[in-house]
Amino acid sequence: MENVTSENLRNQKISKRIEEIPKKYRKIYKKAVETNNKAAAIEAFCLECVCWQKNEIINCSCLACPLFGVRPYIQGQK
């Protein structure tokens, strides 16, 4: 029973978060949370970290971030 409650709470929080995300990035966020796709999760995390400014991921200066080496949109990729 507790698991169902946790799942419902997670779904509510995801729905609320989606409303706060710019429309053009909602699809990648939904893919990350609904399919457990690792690449989508990294992309959504990085986008959220830089306030949904895709170009800022290229200029990321957080060298200690564990996702730094796998961040999307770096030159030579995508």
Protein backbone atom coordinates (compact mmCIF):
# COMPACT_ATOMS: atom_id res chain seq x y z
CA MET A 1 0.00 0.00 0.00
CA GLU A 2 2.83 2.40 0.84
CA ASN A 3 4.37 1.85 -2.61
CA VAL A 4 1.17 2.96 -4.33
CA THR A 5 1.11 6.10 -2.20
CA SER A 6 4.74 6.84 -3.07
CA GLU A 7 4.02 6.35 -6.76
CA ASN A 8 1.01 8.65 -6.60
CA LEU A 9 3.04 11.30 -4.79
CA ARG A 10 5.83 11.01 -7.38
CA ASN A 11 3.33 11.39 -10.22
CA GLN A 12 1.86 14.50 -8.58
CA LYS A 13 5.31 16.04 -8.18
CA ILE A 14 6.22 15.21 -11.78
CA SER A 15 2.99 16.81 -13.03
CA LYS A 16 3.69 19.95 -11.03
CA ARG A 17 7.30 20.10 -12.28
CA ILE A 18 6.19 19.69 -15.91
CA GLU A 19 4.00 22.79 -15.58
CA GLU A 20 7.09 24.79 -14.56
CA ILE A 21 9.25 23.61 -17.47
CA PRO A 22 9.31 25.59 -20.73
CA LYS A 23 7.02 23.83 -23.22
CA LYS A 24 9.78 22.99 -25.68
CA TYR A 25 11.64 20.95 -23.03
CA ARG A 26 8.70 19.10 -21.48
CA LYS A 27 9.01 16.18 -23.90
CA ILE A 28 12.60 15.38 -22.88
CA TYR A 29 11.70 15.64 -19.19
CA LYS A 30 8.71 13.33 -19.64
CA LYS A 31 10.89 10.83 -21.52
CA ALA A 32 13.40 10.90 -18.67
CA VAL A 33 10.88 10.25 -15.91
CA GLU A 34 8.53 7.92 -17.77
CA THR A 35 11.01 5.62 -19.52
CA ASN A 36 14.07 5.81 -17.26
CA ASN A 37 16.11 6.71 -20.35
CA LYS A 38 19.58 7.65 -19.10
CA ALA A 39 20.45 9.99 -21.98
CA ALA A 40 17.14 11.83 -21.54
CA ALA A 41 17.72 12.04 -17.78
CA ILE A 42 21.16 13.58 -18.29
CA GLU A 43 19.79 16.04 -20.84
CA ALA A 44 16.88 17.05 -18.60
CA PHE A 45 19.16 17.41 -15.57
CA CYS A 46 21.66 19.57 -17.44
CA LEU A 47 18.91 21.73 -18.94
CA GLU A 48 17.35 22.29 -15.53
CA CYS A 49 20.77 23.07 -14.03
CA VAL A 50 21.32 25.92 -16.51
CA CYS A 51 17.75 27.26 -16.21
CA TRP A 52 16.64 25.71 -19.49
CA GLN A 53 19.24 27.62 -21.53
CA LYS A 54 20.44 24.93 -23.94
CA ASN A 55 23.47 26.94 -25.13
CA GLU A 56 24.73 27.24 -21.55
CA ILE A 57 25.37 23.50 -21.39
CA ILE A 58 28.16 23.95 -23.93
CA ASN A 59 29.78 26.53 -21.65
CA CYS A 60 29.28 24.56 -18.45
CA SER A 61 31.99 25.47 -15.97
CA CYS A 62 31.11 22.93 -13.28
CA LEU A 63 34.12 20.70 -13.85
CA ALA A 64 33.40 18.67 -10.70
CA CYS A 65 29.89 17.70 -11.87
CA PRO A 66 29.70 13.93 -12.37
CA LEU A 67 27.77 14.55 -15.60
CA PHE A 68 30.28 17.02 -17.06
CA GLY A 69 31.87 14.46 -19.38
CA VAL A 70 28.56 13.14 -20.68
CA ARG A 71 26.60 16.39 -20.92
CA PRO A 72 24.65 16.93 -24.14
CA TYR A 73 25.18 19.63 -26.78
CA ILE A 74 28.96 19.81 -26.43
CA GLN A 75 30.73 20.82 -29.60
CA GLY A 76 31.19 17.95 -31.98
CA GLN A 77 28.01 16.21 -30.75
CA LYS A 78 24.33 16.44 -31.69
